[in-house]
Amino acid sequence: MSHHLEITYCTGCNWLLRAGWYAQECLSTFGTDIRVTIIPDDSGGVFRITLDQTQIWERKKDGGFPDIRTLKQRIRDQIDPERALGHLDSR
């Protein structure tokens, strides 16, 4: 089963590169287990990540941007809790 990751970013804040980097990192780790959509938004300051329509990160609520370790762990915990993330799990 393929899961759907959506990354919504503020165009006015120029967060496209950040959204793209998160998408690339997640695709590198989870491969065909996820589909990624990057969604531009002009409502001001939004940076939100959802997985299968469940919010897993929101910049204002969660205090900034997730480090990649935290993001990958949240995705893993939702789609395949038994999956090892290699060196990301060893800290």
N, C-alpha and C. Protein backbone atom coordinates (compact mmCIF):
# COMPACT_ATOMS: atom_id res chain seq x y z
N MET A 1 0.84 -1.19 0.00
CA MET A 1 0.00 0.00 0.00
C MET A 1 0.88 1.25 0.00
N SER A 2 0.55 2.18 -0.85
CA SER A 2 1.29 3.43 -0.93
C SER A 2 0.60 4.48 -0.07
N HIS A 3 1.38 5.19 0.71
CA HIS A 3 0.87 6.24 1.58
C HIS A 3 1.11 7.59 0.91
N HIS A 4 0.30 8.57 1.28
CA HIS A 4 0.37 9.87 0.62
C HIS A 4 0.87 10.93 1.60
N LEU A 5 2.03 11.49 1.31
CA LEU A 5 2.62 12.57 2.09
C LEU A 5 2.38 13.87 1.34
N GLU A 6 1.82 14.86 2.04
CA GLU A 6 1.63 16.18 1.45
C GLU A 6 2.42 17.20 2.25
N ILE A 7 3.16 18.03 1.53
CA ILE A 7 3.92 19.11 2.15
C ILE A 7 3.38 20.41 1.59
N THR A 8 2.74 21.20 2.44
CA THR A 8 2.17 22.49 2.04
C THR A 8 3.09 23.58 2.56
N TYR A 9 3.50 24.49 1.66
CA TYR A 9 4.47 25.51 2.04
C TYR A 9 3.99 26.90 1.59
N CYS A 10 4.48 27.91 2.27
CA CYS A 10 4.15 29.31 1.97
C CYS A 10 5.03 29.80 0.82
N THR A 11 4.38 30.25 -0.25
CA THR A 11 5.14 30.78 -1.40
C THR A 11 5.79 32.12 -1.06
N GLY A 12 5.11 32.93 -0.27
CA GLY A 12 5.66 34.24 0.09
C GLY A 12 6.89 34.14 0.96
N CYS A 13 7.01 33.06 1.71
CA CYS A 13 8.16 32.85 2.59
C CYS A 13 9.31 32.13 1.88
N ASN A 14 9.09 31.77 0.62
CA ASN A 14 10.11 31.09 -0.20
C ASN A 14 10.57 29.78 0.41
N TRP A 15 9.62 28.95 0.86
CA TRP A 15 9.96 27.68 1.48
C TRP A 15 9.89 26.51 0.50
N LEU A 16 9.86 26.77 -0.80
CA LEU A 16 9.82 25.71 -1.79
C LEU A 16 11.03 24.79 -1.69
N LEU A 17 12.22 25.34 -1.57
CA LEU A 17 13.42 24.50 -1.51
C LEU A 17 13.40 23.60 -0.28
N ARG A 18 12.92 24.10 0.84
CA ARG A 18 12.81 23.31 2.05
C ARG A 18 11.81 22.16 1.84
N ALA A 19 10.65 22.49 1.25
CA ALA A 19 9.63 21.48 0.98
C ALA A 19 10.19 20.41 0.03
N GLY A 20 10.91 20.85 -0.99
CA GLY A 20 11.50 19.92 -1.95
C GLY A 20 12.55 19.02 -1.32
N TRP A 21 13.34 19.58 -0.42
CA TRP A 21 14.36 18.80 0.26
C TRP A 21 13.72 17.72 1.14
N TYR A 22 12.68 18.11 1.90
CA TYR A 22 11.97 17.12 2.73
C TYR A 22 11.40 16.01 1.84
N ALA A 23 10.81 16.39 0.72
CA ALA A 23 10.23 15.41 -0.20
C ALA A 23 11.31 14.45 -0.70
N GLN A 24 12.44 14.98 -1.11
CA GLN A 24 13.54 14.16 -1.61
C GLN A 24 14.05 13.20 -0.54
N GLU A 25 14.24 13.69 0.65
CA GLU A 25 14.73 12.85 1.75
C GLU A 25 13.75 11.72 2.07
N CYS A 26 12.47 12.04 2.08
CA CYS A 26 11.45 11.03 2.40
C CYS A 26 11.34 9.99 1.29
N LEU A 27 11.42 10.43 0.05
CA LEU A 27 11.39 9.48 -1.06
C LEU A 27 12.64 8.59 -1.06
N SER A 28 13.78 9.14 -0.69
CA SER A 28 15.00 8.35 -0.62
C SER A 28 14.90 7.27 0.45
N THR A 29 14.24 7.57 1.54
CA THR A 29 14.12 6.62 2.64
C THR A 29 12.98 5.62 2.44
N PHE A 30 11.82 6.09 1.98
CA PHE A 30 10.63 5.24 1.94
C PHE A 30 10.28 4.73 0.55
N GLY A 31 10.96 5.23 -0.47
CA GLY A 31 10.79 4.73 -1.83
C GLY A 31 9.34 4.67 -2.29
N THR A 32 8.94 3.53 -2.79
CA THR A 32 7.60 3.39 -3.36
C THR A 32 6.51 3.20 -2.30
N ASP A 33 6.89 3.20 -1.02
CA ASP A 33 5.89 3.10 0.04
C ASP A 33 5.12 4.41 0.24
N ILE A 34 5.65 5.52 -0.32
CA ILE A 34 4.94 6.80 -0.21
C ILE A 34 4.88 7.50 -1.57
N ARG A 35 3.85 8.31 -1.71
CA ARG A 35 3.75 9.28 -2.80
C ARG A 35 3.84 10.64 -2.14
N VAL A 36 4.50 11.58 -2.78
CA VAL A 36 4.68 12.90 -2.18
C VAL A 36 4.10 13.97 -3.10
N THR A 37 3.34 14.87 -2.50
CA THR A 37 2.80 16.03 -3.21
C THR A 37 3.27 17.28 -2.49
N ILE A 38 3.79 18.23 -3.25
CA ILE A 38 4.19 19.52 -2.69
C ILE A 38 3.15 20.55 -3.13
N ILE A 39 2.58 21.25 -2.15
CA ILE A 39 1.45 22.14 -2.41
C ILE A 39 1.83 23.58 -2.06
N PRO A 40 1.86 24.49 -3.03
CA PRO A 40 2.11 25.90 -2.74
C PRO A 40 0.89 26.54 -2.11
N ASP A 41 1.12 27.46 -1.19
CA ASP A 41 0.04 28.15 -0.49
C ASP A 41 0.46 29.60 -0.28
N ASP A 42 -0.45 30.52 -0.51
CA ASP A 42 -0.10 31.94 -0.35
C ASP A 42 -0.83 32.60 0.82
N SER A 43 -1.29 31.80 1.79
CA SER A 43 -2.04 32.38 2.90
C SER A 43 -1.15 32.95 4.00
N GLY A 44 0.17 32.75 3.90
CA GLY A 44 1.09 33.39 4.83
C GLY A 44 1.59 32.50 5.95
N GLY A 45 2.83 32.10 5.86
CA GLY A 45 3.50 31.41 6.95
C GLY A 45 3.19 29.95 7.13
N VAL A 46 2.42 29.37 6.23
CA VAL A 46 2.05 27.96 6.41
C VAL A 46 3.19 27.02 6.01
N PHE A 47 3.43 26.03 6.84
CA PHE A 47 4.28 24.90 6.49
C PHE A 47 3.72 23.71 7.26
N ARG A 48 3.05 22.85 6.51
CA ARG A 48 2.31 21.74 7.12
C ARG A 48 2.63 20.45 6.37
N ILE A 49 2.79 19.38 7.14
CA ILE A 49 3.05 18.07 6.55
C ILE A 49 1.97 17.12 7.04
N THR A 50 1.32 16.47 6.08
CA THR A 50 0.31 15.48 6.43
C THR A 50 0.67 14.15 5.78
N LEU A 51 0.28 13.09 6.44
CA LEU A 51 0.48 11.74 5.94
C LEU A 51 -0.86 11.04 5.99
N ASP A 52 -1.36 10.63 4.83
CA ASP A 52 -2.67 10.00 4.73
C ASP A 52 -3.74 10.85 5.40
N GLN A 53 -3.69 12.14 5.16
CA GLN A 53 -4.63 13.15 5.64
C GLN A 53 -4.57 13.38 7.15
N THR A 54 -3.54 12.88 7.81
CA THR A 54 -3.33 13.13 9.23
C THR A 54 -2.13 14.07 9.36
N GLN A 55 -2.33 15.19 10.02
CA GLN A 55 -1.24 16.15 10.19
C GLN A 55 -0.17 15.56 11.10
N ILE A 56 1.08 15.57 10.60
CA ILE A 56 2.18 15.08 11.42
C ILE A 56 3.16 16.19 11.80
N TRP A 57 3.02 17.35 11.15
CA TRP A 57 3.84 18.52 11.53
C TRP A 57 3.16 19.78 11.04
N GLU A 58 3.19 20.82 11.88
CA GLU A 58 2.68 22.14 11.50
C GLU A 58 3.61 23.16 12.13
N ARG A 59 4.21 23.99 11.31
CA ARG A 59 5.26 24.91 11.75
C ARG A 59 4.88 25.75 12.96
N LYS A 60 3.73 26.36 12.95
CA LYS A 60 3.34 27.23 14.06
C LYS A 60 3.05 26.44 15.33
N LYS A 61 2.34 25.34 15.19
CA LYS A 61 1.96 24.52 16.34
C LYS A 61 3.17 23.80 16.94
N ASP A 62 4.03 23.27 16.07
CA ASP A 62 5.15 22.45 16.53
C ASP A 62 6.44 23.23 16.73
N GLY A 63 6.42 24.52 16.48
CA GLY A 63 7.58 25.34 16.78
C GLY A 63 8.70 25.28 15.76
N GLY A 64 8.42 25.66 14.53
CA GLY A 64 9.45 25.70 13.50
C GLY A 64 9.35 24.52 12.56
N PHE A 65 10.49 24.10 12.07
CA PHE A 65 10.56 23.03 11.09
C PHE A 65 11.13 21.78 11.74
N PRO A 66 10.67 20.60 11.31
CA PRO A 66 11.21 19.39 11.91
C PRO A 66 12.62 19.09 11.40
N ASP A 67 13.44 18.50 12.27
CA ASP A 67 14.69 17.98 11.72
C ASP A 67 14.32 16.71 10.97
N ILE A 68 15.14 16.31 10.04
CA ILE A 68 14.79 15.21 9.15
C ILE A 68 14.64 13.91 9.92
N ARG A 69 15.39 13.74 10.98
CA ARG A 69 15.26 12.53 11.82
C ARG A 69 13.86 12.43 12.40
N THR A 70 13.36 13.52 12.98
CA THR A 70 12.03 13.53 13.58
C THR A 70 10.96 13.26 12.53
N LEU A 71 11.07 13.90 11.38
CA LEU A 71 10.08 13.71 10.33
C LEU A 71 10.05 12.26 9.86
N LYS A 72 11.20 11.68 9.59
CA LYS A 72 11.24 10.30 9.11
C LYS A 72 10.72 9.33 10.17
N GLN A 73 11.01 9.60 11.43
CA GLN A 73 10.50 8.73 12.49
C GLN A 73 8.98 8.81 12.59
N ARG A 74 8.42 10.00 12.44
CA ARG A 74 6.96 10.14 12.50
C ARG A 74 6.30 9.42 11.33
N ILE A 75 6.91 9.51 10.16
CA ILE A 75 6.37 8.80 9.00
C ILE A 75 6.47 7.29 9.23
N ARG A 76 7.64 6.84 9.63
CA ARG A 76 7.85 5.41 9.89
C ARG A 76 6.86 4.89 10.92
N ASP A 77 6.69 5.63 12.02
CA ASP A 77 5.80 5.18 13.09
C ASP A 77 4.37 5.01 12.61
N GLN A 78 3.98 5.77 11.61
CA GLN A 78 2.61 5.68 11.10
C GLN A 78 2.46 4.60 10.02
N ILE A 79 3.47 4.42 9.17
CA ILE A 79 3.27 3.48 8.05
C ILE A 79 3.86 2.10 8.29
N ASP A 80 4.92 2.01 9.12
CA ASP A 80 5.58 0.72 9.33
C ASP A 80 6.44 0.79 10.58
N PRO A 81 5.82 0.68 11.78
CA PRO A 81 6.56 0.87 13.04
C PRO A 81 7.75 -0.06 13.22
N GLU A 82 7.77 -1.18 12.54
CA GLU A 82 8.87 -2.14 12.68
C GLU A 82 10.06 -1.82 11.79
N ARG A 83 9.90 -0.88 10.87
CA ARG A 83 10.97 -0.55 9.92
C ARG A 83 12.14 0.13 10.63
N ALA A 84 13.33 -0.33 10.32
CA ALA A 84 14.54 0.29 10.86
C ALA A 84 14.94 1.47 9.99
N LEU A 85 15.38 2.53 10.63
CA LEU A 85 15.84 3.72 9.89
C LEU A 85 17.36 3.85 9.97
N GLY A 86 18.03 2.77 10.24
CA GLY A 86 19.48 2.78 10.26
C GLY A 86 20.05 3.71 11.32
N HIS A 87 20.99 4.55 10.93
CA HIS A 87 21.67 5.43 11.87
C HIS A 87 20.72 6.43 12.53
N LEU A 88 19.57 6.72 11.93
CA LEU A 88 18.63 7.66 12.54
C LEU A 88 18.02 7.10 13.82
N ASP A 89 17.97 5.79 13.96
CA ASP A 89 17.43 5.17 15.17
C ASP A 89 18.47 5.03 16.27
N SER A 90 19.73 5.19 15.97
CA SER A 90 20.78 4.90 16.95
C SER A 90 21.13 6.05 17.88
N ARG A 91 20.49 7.17 17.73
CA ARG A 91 20.80 8.34 18.59
C ARG A 91 20.02 8.29 19.86
